[in-house]
Amino acid sequence: MKRASVAAIVLAGGLAGACASHITEVQAGMTESAVIDALGKPDTREIQGRLTELTYERHAVSGWRIRRDDYFVRLNDGKVVAFGPTDQRR
């Protein structure tokens, strides 16, 4: 049973970490639908006037540690203008 639990955690971590590598597919000027095609459905979507911000919350497993890697994608008039780790959001 313990072996199955460890395998499930490792698999989940590997799948969750996939978003981190896919963030490199995002480019300025992409549409929101193209971003969702590349990264999947966002965990949150906030709209303020012409700005939309998508947030992706992911967890990466490294050894026995689980690290949270969150990413944002900001769109203005439906086009990407900024993206990256949420701790670098401006």
PDB file of N, CA and C in Angstrom:
ATOM      1  N   MET A   1       0.821  -1.196   0.000  1.00  0.00           N
ATOM      2  CA  MET A   1       0.000   0.000   0.000  1.00  0.00           C
ATOM      3  C   MET A   1       0.866   1.263   0.000  1.00  0.00           C
ATOM      4  N   LYS A   2       1.920   1.258   0.810  1.00  0.00           N
ATOM      5  CA  LYS A   2       2.791   2.431   0.885  1.00  0.00           C
ATOM      6  C   LYS A   2       3.456   2.696  -0.464  1.00  0.00           C
ATOM      7  N   ARG A   3       3.867   1.629  -1.140  1.00  0.00           N
ATOM      8  CA  ARG A   3       4.515   1.776  -2.445  1.00  0.00           C
ATOM      9  C   ARG A   3       3.564   2.429  -3.447  1.00  0.00           C
ATOM     10  N   ALA A   4       2.287   2.044  -3.414  1.00  0.00           N
ATOM     11  CA  ALA A   4       1.303   2.623  -4.328  1.00  0.00           C
ATOM     12  C   ALA A   4       1.100   4.105  -4.037  1.00  0.00           C
ATOM     13  N   SER A   5       1.098   4.477  -2.753  1.00  0.00           N
ATOM     14  CA  SER A   5       0.929   5.887  -2.383  1.00  0.00           C
ATOM     15  C   SER A   5       2.091   6.726  -2.884  1.00  0.00           C
ATOM     16  N   VAL A   6       3.302   6.226  -2.710  1.00  0.00           N
ATOM     17  CA  VAL A   6       4.488   6.949  -3.173  1.00  0.00           C
ATOM     18  C   VAL A   6       4.445   7.092  -4.692  1.00  0.00           C
ATOM     19  N   ALA A   7       4.071   6.030  -5.387  1.00  0.00           N
ATOM     20  CA  ALA A   7       3.993   6.077  -6.848  1.00  0.00           C
ATOM     21  C   ALA A   7       2.950   7.099  -7.298  1.00  0.00           C
ATOM     22  N   ALA A   8       1.822   7.164  -6.601  1.00  0.00           N
ATOM     23  CA  ALA A   8       0.775   8.119  -6.959  1.00  0.00           C
ATOM     24  C   ALA A   8       1.252   9.555  -6.765  1.00  0.00           C
ATOM     25  N   ILE A   9       1.980   9.810  -5.678  1.00  0.00           N
ATOM     26  CA  ILE A   9       2.499  11.156  -5.422  1.00  0.00           C
ATOM     27  C   ILE A   9       3.505  11.550  -6.492  1.00  0.00           C
ATOM     28  N   VAL A  10       4.396  10.642  -6.839  1.00  0.00           N
ATOM     29  CA  VAL A  10       5.409  10.928  -7.860  1.00  0.00           C
ATOM     30  C   VAL A  10       4.741  11.191  -9.207  1.00  0.00           C
ATOM     31  N   LEU A  11       3.750  10.379  -9.572  1.00  0.00           N
ATOM     32  CA  LEU A  11       3.042  10.565 -10.835  1.00  0.00           C
ATOM     33  C   LEU A  11       2.304  11.899 -10.851  1.00  0.00           C
ATOM     34  N   ALA A  12       1.603  12.212  -9.770  1.00  0.00           N
ATOM     35  CA  ALA A  12       0.871  13.479  -9.701  1.00  0.00           C
ATOM     36  C   ALA A  12       1.829  14.653  -9.806  1.00  0.00           C
ATOM     37  N   GLY A  13       2.952  14.564  -9.151  1.00  0.00           N
ATOM     38  CA  GLY A  13       3.945  15.634  -9.215  1.00  0.00           C
ATOM     39  C   GLY A  13       4.481  15.806 -10.617  1.00  0.00           C
ATOM     40  N   GLY A  14       4.725  14.708 -11.295  1.00  0.00           N
ATOM     41  CA  GLY A  14       5.228  14.785 -12.665  1.00  0.00           C
ATOM     42  C   GLY A  14       4.215  15.411 -13.599  1.00  0.00           C
ATOM     43  N   LEU A  15       2.944  15.065 -13.412  1.00  0.00           N
ATOM     44  CA  LEU A  15       1.904  15.637 -14.257  1.00  0.00           C
ATOM     45  C   LEU A  15       1.683  17.106 -13.937  1.00  0.00           C
ATOM     46  N   ALA A  16       1.681  17.458 -12.664  1.00  0.00           N
ATOM     47  CA  ALA A  16       1.481  18.852 -12.273  1.00  0.00           C
ATOM     48  C   ALA A  16       2.633  19.717 -12.749  1.00  0.00           C
ATOM     49  N   GLY A  17       3.821  19.180 -12.723  1.00  0.00           N
ATOM     50  CA  GLY A  17       4.986  19.926 -13.170  1.00  0.00           C
ATOM     51  C   GLY A  17       4.981  20.174 -14.661  1.00  0.00           C
ATOM     52  N   ALA A  18       4.109  19.482 -15.379  1.00  0.00           N
ATOM     53  CA  ALA A  18       4.055  19.651 -16.826  1.00  0.00           C
ATOM     54  C   ALA A  18       3.696  21.076 -17.212  1.00  0.00           C
ATOM     55  N   CYS A  19       2.864  21.746 -16.410  1.00  0.00           N
ATOM     56  CA  CYS A  19       2.492  23.127 -16.729  1.00  0.00           C
ATOM     57  C   CYS A  19       3.713  24.027 -16.744  1.00  0.00           C
ATOM     58  N   ALA A  20       4.630  23.795 -15.823  1.00  0.00           N
ATOM     59  CA  ALA A  20       5.827  24.637 -15.746  1.00  0.00           C
ATOM     60  C   ALA A  20       6.592  24.597 -17.058  1.00  0.00           C
ATOM     61  N   SER A  21       6.691  23.428 -17.660  1.00  0.00           N
ATOM     62  CA  SER A  21       7.412  23.344 -18.922  1.00  0.00           C
ATOM     63  C   SER A  21       6.588  23.922 -20.070  1.00  0.00           C
ATOM     64  N   HIS A  22       5.273  23.880 -19.966  1.00  0.00           N
ATOM     65  CA  HIS A  22       4.409  24.403 -21.024  1.00  0.00           C
ATOM     66  C   HIS A  22       4.336  25.926 -21.007  1.00  0.00           C
ATOM     67  N   ILE A  23       4.667  26.561 -19.881  1.00  0.00           N
ATOM     68  CA  ILE A  23       4.623  28.026 -19.824  1.00  0.00           C
ATOM     69  C   ILE A  23       5.561  28.616 -20.872  1.00  0.00           C
ATOM     70  N   THR A  24       6.571  27.868 -21.258  1.00  0.00           N
ATOM     71  CA  THR A  24       7.502  28.349 -22.283  1.00  0.00           C
ATOM     72  C   THR A  24       6.840  28.427 -23.660  1.00  0.00           C
ATOM     73  N   GLU A  25       5.681  27.784 -23.821  1.00  0.00           N
ATOM     74  CA  GLU A  25       4.948  27.844 -25.088  1.00  0.00           C
ATOM     75  C   GLU A  25       4.158  29.144 -25.236  1.00  0.00           C
ATOM     76  N   VAL A  26       3.957  29.850 -24.122  1.00  0.00           N
ATOM     77  CA  VAL A  26       3.195  31.096 -24.153  1.00  0.00           C
ATOM     78  C   VAL A  26       4.064  32.203 -24.745  1.00  0.00           C
ATOM     79  N   GLN A  27       3.451  32.997 -25.607  1.00  0.00           N
ATOM     80  CA  GLN A  27       4.166  34.108 -26.245  1.00  0.00           C
ATOM     81  C   GLN A  27       3.289  35.349 -26.222  1.00  0.00           C
ATOM     82  N   ALA A  28       3.918  36.502 -26.170  1.00  0.00           N
ATOM     83  CA  ALA A  28       3.180  37.762 -26.243  1.00  0.00           C
ATOM     84  C   ALA A  28       2.356  37.784 -27.526  1.00  0.00           C
ATOM     85  N   GLY A  29       1.127  38.256 -27.408  1.00  0.00           N
ATOM     86  CA  GLY A  29       0.246  38.349 -28.565  1.00  0.00           C
ATOM     87  C   GLY A  29      -0.685  37.163 -28.747  1.00  0.00           C
ATOM     88  N   MET A  30      -0.451  36.068 -28.015  1.00  0.00           N
ATOM     89  CA  MET A  30      -1.341  34.905 -28.124  1.00  0.00           C
ATOM     90  C   MET A  30      -2.734  35.265 -27.612  1.00  0.00           C
ATOM     91  N   THR A  31      -3.747  34.582 -28.129  1.00  0.00           N
ATOM     92  CA  THR A  31      -5.110  34.773 -27.648  1.00  0.00           C
ATOM     93  C   THR A  31      -5.335  33.929 -26.397  1.00  0.00           C
ATOM     94  N   GLU A  32      -6.401  34.251 -25.673  1.00  0.00           N
ATOM     95  CA  GLU A  32      -6.731  33.483 -24.467  1.00  0.00           C
ATOM     96  C   GLU A  32      -6.993  32.017 -24.805  1.00  0.00           C
ATOM     97  N   SER A  33      -7.687  31.757 -25.899  1.00  0.00           N
ATOM     98  CA  SER A  33      -7.974  30.365 -26.261  1.00  0.00           C
ATOM     99  C   SER A  33      -6.694  29.610 -26.609  1.00  0.00           C
ATOM    100  N   ALA A  34      -5.721  30.279 -27.218  1.00  0.00           N
ATOM    101  CA  ALA A  34      -4.442  29.628 -27.523  1.00  0.00           C
ATOM    102  C   ALA A  34      -3.684  29.306 -26.237  1.00  0.00           C
ATOM    103  N   VAL A  35      -3.763  30.200 -25.249  1.00  0.00           N
ATOM    104  CA  VAL A  35      -3.118  29.943 -23.954  1.00  0.00           C
ATOM    105  C   VAL A  35      -3.759  28.734 -23.285  1.00  0.00           C
ATOM    106  N   ILE A  36      -5.084  28.675 -23.303  1.00  0.00           N
ATOM    107  CA  ILE A  36      -5.789  27.554 -22.679  1.00  0.00           C
ATOM    108  C   ILE A  36      -5.484  26.259 -23.414  1.00  0.00           C
ATOM    109  N   ASP A  37      -5.337  26.307 -24.725  1.00  0.00           N
ATOM    110  CA  ASP A  37      -4.932  25.113 -25.479  1.00  0.00           C
ATOM    111  C   ASP A  37      -3.558  24.633 -25.030  1.00  0.00           C
ATOM    112  N   ALA A  38      -2.647  25.564 -24.745  1.00  0.00           N
ATOM    113  CA  ALA A  38      -1.276  25.209 -24.360  1.00  0.00           C
ATOM    114  C   ALA A  38      -1.170  24.779 -22.900  1.00  0.00           C
ATOM    115  N   LEU A  39      -1.881  25.484 -21.995  1.00  0.00           N
ATOM    116  CA  LEU A  39      -1.711  25.245 -20.561  1.00  0.00           C
ATOM    117  C   LEU A  39      -2.877  24.533 -19.891  1.00  0.00           C
ATOM    118  N   GLY A  40      -4.010  24.489 -20.561  1.00  0.00           N
ATOM    119  CA  GLY A  40      -5.193  23.904 -19.939  1.00  0.00           C
ATOM    120  C   GLY A  40      -6.029  24.975 -19.262  1.00  0.00           C
ATOM    121  N   LYS A  41      -7.102  24.542 -18.622  1.00  0.00           N
ATOM    122  CA  LYS A  41      -8.013  25.460 -17.949  1.00  0.00           C
ATOM    123  C   LYS A  41      -7.303  26.106 -16.759  1.00  0.00           C
ATOM    124  N   PRO A  42      -7.385  27.432 -16.624  1.00  0.00           N
ATOM    125  CA  PRO A  42      -6.724  28.090 -15.494  1.00  0.00           C
ATOM    126  C   PRO A  42      -7.453  27.802 -14.185  1.00  0.00           C
ATOM    127  N   ASP A  43      -6.724  27.906 -13.074  1.00  0.00           N
ATOM    128  CA  ASP A  43      -7.339  27.726 -11.762  1.00  0.00           C
ATOM    129  C   ASP A  43      -8.185  28.936 -11.388  1.00  0.00           C
ATOM    130  N   THR A  44      -7.744  30.120 -11.784  1.00  0.00           N
ATOM    131  CA  THR A  44      -8.548  31.326 -11.564  1.00  0.00           C
ATOM    132  C   THR A  44      -8.488  32.199 -12.811  1.00  0.00           C
ATOM    133  N   ARG A  45      -9.537  32.995 -12.972  1.00  0.00           N
ATOM    134  CA  ARG A  45      -9.618  33.940 -14.096  1.00  0.00           C
ATOM    135  C   ARG A  45     -10.228  35.219 -13.549  1.00  0.00           C
ATOM    136  N   GLU A  46      -9.447  36.288 -13.526  1.00  0.00           N
ATOM    137  CA  GLU A  46      -9.917  37.574 -13.008  1.00  0.00           C
ATOM    138  C   GLU A  46      -9.962  38.591 -14.144  1.00  0.00           C
ATOM    139  N   ILE A  47     -11.043  39.362 -14.174  1.00  0.00           N
ATOM    140  CA  ILE A  47     -11.219  40.377 -15.211  1.00  0.00           C
ATOM    141  C   ILE A  47     -11.376  41.740 -14.546  1.00  0.00           C
ATOM    142  N   GLN A  48     -10.602  42.716 -15.023  1.00  0.00           N
ATOM    143  CA  GLN A  48     -10.718  44.108 -14.577  1.00  0.00           C
ATOM    144  C   GLN A  48     -10.653  44.990 -15.817  1.00  0.00           C
ATOM    145  N   GLY A  49     -11.801  45.411 -16.270  1.00  0.00           N
ATOM    146  CA  GLY A  49     -11.854  46.225 -17.487  1.00  0.00           C
ATOM    147  C   GLY A  49     -11.354  45.435 -18.684  1.00  0.00           C
ATOM    148  N   ARG A  50     -10.329  45.959 -19.349  1.00  0.00           N
ATOM    149  CA  ARG A  50      -9.787  45.294 -20.544  1.00  0.00           C
ATOM    150  C   ARG A  50      -8.731  44.247 -20.204  1.00  0.00           C
ATOM    151  N   LEU A  51      -8.362  44.148 -18.915  1.00  0.00           N
ATOM    152  CA  LEU A  51      -7.336  43.182 -18.496  1.00  0.00           C
ATOM    153  C   LEU A  51      -7.965  41.900 -17.969  1.00  0.00           C
ATOM    154  N   THR A  52      -7.378  40.785 -18.345  1.00  0.00           N
ATOM    155  CA  THR A  52      -7.757  39.476 -17.822  1.00  0.00           C
ATOM    156  C   THR A  52      -6.492  38.813 -17.320  1.00  0.00           C
ATOM    157  N   GLU A  53      -6.568  38.199 -16.135  1.00  0.00           N
ATOM    158  CA  GLU A  53      -5.409  37.478 -15.626  1.00  0.00           C
ATOM    159  C   GLU A  53      -5.805  36.039 -15.320  1.00  0.00           C
ATOM    160  N   LEU A  54      -5.072  35.108 -15.922  1.00  0.00           N
ATOM    161  CA  LEU A  54      -5.255  33.681 -15.689  1.00  0.00           C
ATOM    162  C   LEU A  54      -4.168  33.226 -14.729  1.00  0.00           C
ATOM    163  N   THR A  55      -4.533  32.391 -13.758  1.00  0.00           N
ATOM    164  CA  THR A  55      -3.556  31.873 -12.807  1.00  0.00           C
ATOM    165  C   THR A  55      -3.587  30.355 -12.842  1.00  0.00           C
ATOM    166  N   TYR A  56      -2.410  29.768 -12.889  1.00  0.00           N
ATOM    167  CA  TYR A  56      -2.240  28.317 -12.879  1.00  0.00           C
ATOM    168  C   TYR A  56      -1.476  27.938 -11.621  1.00  0.00           C
ATOM    169  N   GLU A  57      -2.081  27.120 -10.765  1.00  0.00           N
ATOM    170  CA  GLU A  57      -1.449  26.673  -9.527  1.00  0.00           C
ATOM    171  C   GLU A  57      -0.976  25.240  -9.729  1.00  0.00           C
ATOM    172  N   ARG A  58       0.304  25.034  -9.612  1.00  0.00           N
ATOM    173  CA  ARG A  58       0.874  23.705  -9.821  1.00  0.00           C
ATOM    174  C   ARG A  58       1.787  23.335  -8.666  1.00  0.00           C
ATOM    175  N   HIS A  59       1.901  22.044  -8.426  1.00  0.00           N
ATOM    176  CA  HIS A  59       2.764  21.535  -7.366  1.00  0.00           C
ATOM    177  C   HIS A  59       3.798  20.607  -7.995  1.00  0.00           C
ATOM    178  N   ALA A  60       5.039  20.819  -7.662  1.00  0.00           N
ATOM    179  CA  ALA A  60       6.130  20.006  -8.201  1.00  0.00           C
ATOM    180  C   ALA A  60       6.733  19.186  -7.067  1.00  0.00           C
ATOM    181  N   VAL A  61       6.970  17.913  -7.327  1.00  0.00           N
ATOM    182  CA  VAL A  61       7.578  17.033  -6.335  1.00  0.00           C
ATOM    183  C   VAL A  61       9.062  16.927  -6.628  1.00  0.00           C
ATOM    184  N   SER A  62       9.864  17.167  -5.614  1.00  0.00           N
ATOM    185  CA  SER A  62      11.314  17.047  -5.722  1.00  0.00           C
ATOM    186  C   SER A  62      11.789  16.226  -4.535  1.00  0.00           C
ATOM    187  N   GLY A  63      12.091  14.963  -4.797  1.00  0.00           N
ATOM    188  CA  GLY A  63      12.433  14.074  -3.688  1.00  0.00           C
ATOM    189  C   GLY A  63      11.207  13.906  -2.805  1.00  0.00           C
ATOM    190  N   TRP A  64      11.345  14.244  -1.545  1.00  0.00           N
ATOM    191  CA  TRP A  64      10.217  14.147  -0.615  1.00  0.00           C
ATOM    192  C   TRP A  64       9.547  15.502  -0.402  1.00  0.00           C
ATOM    193  N   ARG A  65      10.000  16.521  -1.095  1.00  0.00           N
ATOM    194  CA  ARG A  65       9.434  17.855  -0.923  1.00  0.00           C
ATOM    195  C   ARG A  65       8.437  18.159  -2.036  1.00  0.00           C
ATOM    196  N   ILE A  66       7.378  18.831  -1.668  1.00  0.00           N
ATOM    197  CA  ILE A  66       6.401  19.293  -2.651  1.00  0.00           C
ATOM    198  C   ILE A  66       6.522  20.811  -2.707  1.00  0.00           C
ATOM    199  N   ARG A  67       6.810  21.311  -3.890  1.00  0.00           N
ATOM    200  CA  ARG A  67       7.001  22.746  -4.089  1.00  0.00           C
ATOM    201  C   ARG A  67       5.844  23.285  -4.935  1.00  0.00           C
ATOM    202  N   ARG A  68       5.349  24.425  -4.561  1.00  0.00           N
ATOM    203  CA  ARG A  68       4.256  25.034  -5.308  1.00  0.00           C
ATOM    204  C   ARG A  68       4.842  26.003  -6.330  1.00  0.00           C
ATOM    205  N   ASP A  69       4.468  25.823  -7.579  1.00  0.00           N
ATOM    206  CA  ASP A  69       4.901  26.694  -8.671  1.00  0.00           C
ATOM    207  C   ASP A  69       3.658  27.287  -9.324  1.00  0.00           C
ATOM    208  N   ASP A  70       3.400  28.551  -9.067  1.00  0.00           N
ATOM    209  CA  ASP A  70       2.231  29.214  -9.632  1.00  0.00           C
ATOM    210  C   ASP A  70       2.657  30.133 -10.769  1.00  0.00           C
ATOM    211  N   TYR A  71       1.846  30.165 -11.809  1.00  0.00           N
ATOM    212  CA  TYR A  71       2.133  30.977 -12.987  1.00  0.00           C
ATOM    213  C   TYR A  71       0.927  31.839 -13.324  1.00  0.00           C
ATOM    214  N   PHE A  72       1.178  33.005 -13.894  1.00  0.00           N
ATOM    215  CA  PHE A  72       0.097  33.879 -14.335  1.00  0.00           C
ATOM    216  C   PHE A  72       0.276  34.186 -15.819  1.00  0.00           C
ATOM    217  N   VAL A  73      -0.838  34.500 -16.456  1.00  0.00           N
ATOM    218  CA  VAL A  73      -0.828  34.997 -17.834  1.00  0.00           C
ATOM    219  C   VAL A  73      -1.765  36.201 -17.842  1.00  0.00           C
ATOM    220  N   ARG A  74      -1.248  37.363 -18.212  1.00  0.00           N
ATOM    221  CA  ARG A  74      -2.051  38.588 -18.260  1.00  0.00           C
ATOM    222  C   ARG A  74      -2.350  38.930 -19.715  1.00  0.00           C
ATOM    223  N   LEU A  75      -3.621  39.214 -19.974  1.00  0.00           N
ATOM    224  CA  LEU A  75      -4.061  39.572 -21.318  1.00  0.00           C
ATOM    225  C   LEU A  75      -4.678  40.965 -21.299  1.00  0.00           C
ATOM    226  N   ASN A  76      -4.431  41.723 -22.345  1.00  0.00           N
ATOM    227  CA  ASN A  76      -5.043  43.034 -22.537  1.00  0.00           C
ATOM    228  C   ASN A  76      -5.778  42.975 -23.866  1.00  0.00           C
ATOM    229  N   ASP A  77      -7.071  43.238 -23.834  1.00  0.00           N
ATOM    230  CA  ASP A  77      -7.912  43.117 -25.034  1.00  0.00           C
ATOM    231  C   ASP A  77      -7.787  41.737 -25.671  1.00  0.00           C
ATOM    232  N   GLY A  78      -7.680  40.689 -24.835  1.00  0.00           N
ATOM    233  CA  GLY A  78      -7.666  39.320 -25.329  1.00  0.00           C
ATOM    234  C   GLY A  78      -6.330  38.806 -25.829  1.00  0.00           C
ATOM    235  N   LYS A  79      -5.263  39.592 -25.700  1.00  0.00           N
ATOM    236  CA  LYS A  79      -3.931  39.184 -26.169  1.00  0.00           C
ATOM    237  C   LYS A  79      -2.948  39.177 -25.003  1.00  0.00           C
ATOM    238  N   VAL A  80      -2.049  38.198 -24.976  1.00  0.00           N
ATOM    239  CA  VAL A  80      -1.052  38.084 -23.906  1.00  0.00           C
ATOM    240  C   VAL A  80      -0.107  39.283 -23.936  1.00  0.00           C
ATOM    241  N   VAL A  81       0.046  39.910 -22.760  1.00  0.00           N
ATOM    242  CA  VAL A  81       0.993  41.021 -22.629  1.00  0.00           C
ATOM    243  C   VAL A  81       2.068  40.722 -21.579  1.00  0.00           C
ATOM    244  N   ALA A  82       1.815  39.736 -20.691  1.00  0.00           N
ATOM    245  CA  ALA A  82       2.798  39.364 -19.668  1.00  0.00           C
ATOM    246  C   ALA A  82       2.482  37.961 -19.173  1.00  0.00           C
ATOM    247  N   PHE A  83       3.527  37.232 -18.748  1.00  0.00           N
ATOM    248  CA  PHE A  83       3.339  35.894 -18.195  1.00  0.00           C
ATOM    249  C   PHE A  83       4.591  35.493 -17.437  1.00  0.00           C
ATOM    250  N   GLY A  84       4.436  34.513 -16.543  1.00  0.00           N
ATOM    251  CA  GLY A  84       5.577  34.013 -15.779  1.00  0.00           C
ATOM    252  C   GLY A  84       5.165  33.576 -14.391  1.00  0.00           C
ATOM    253  N   PRO A  85       6.149  33.312 -13.533  1.00  0.00           N
ATOM    254  CA  PRO A  85       5.848  32.922 -12.150  1.00  0.00           C
ATOM    255  C   PRO A  85       5.114  34.056 -11.432  1.00  0.00           C
ATOM    256  N   THR A  86       4.156  33.704 -10.571  1.00  0.00           N
ATOM    257  CA  THR A  86       3.373  34.740  -9.896  1.00  0.00           C
ATOM    258  C   THR A  86       4.224  35.619  -8.997  1.00  0.00           C
ATOM    259  N   ASP A  87       5.356  35.137  -8.525  1.00  0.00           N
ATOM    260  CA  ASP A  87       6.199  35.979  -7.671  1.00  0.00           C
ATOM    261  C   ASP A  87       6.931  37.058  -8.476  1.00  0.00           C
ATOM    262  N   GLN A  88       6.835  37.016  -9.803  1.00  0.00           N
ATOM    263  CA  GLN A  88       7.452  38.041 -10.655  1.00  0.00           C
ATOM    264  C   GLN A  88       6.397  38.930 -11.313  1.00  0.00           C
ATOM    265  N   ARG A  89       5.166  38.824 -10.821  1.00  0.00           N
ATOM    266  CA  ARG A  89       4.046  39.591 -11.387  1.00  0.00           C
ATOM    267  C   ARG A  89       4.242  41.077 -11.124  1.00  0.00           C
ATOM    268  N   ARG A  90       4.024  41.912 -12.131  1.00  0.00           N
ATOM    269  CA  ARG A  90       4.116  43.383 -11.998  1.00  0.00           C
ATOM    270  C   ARG A  90       2.900  44.019 -12.590  1.00  0.00           C
TER     271      ARG A  90
END
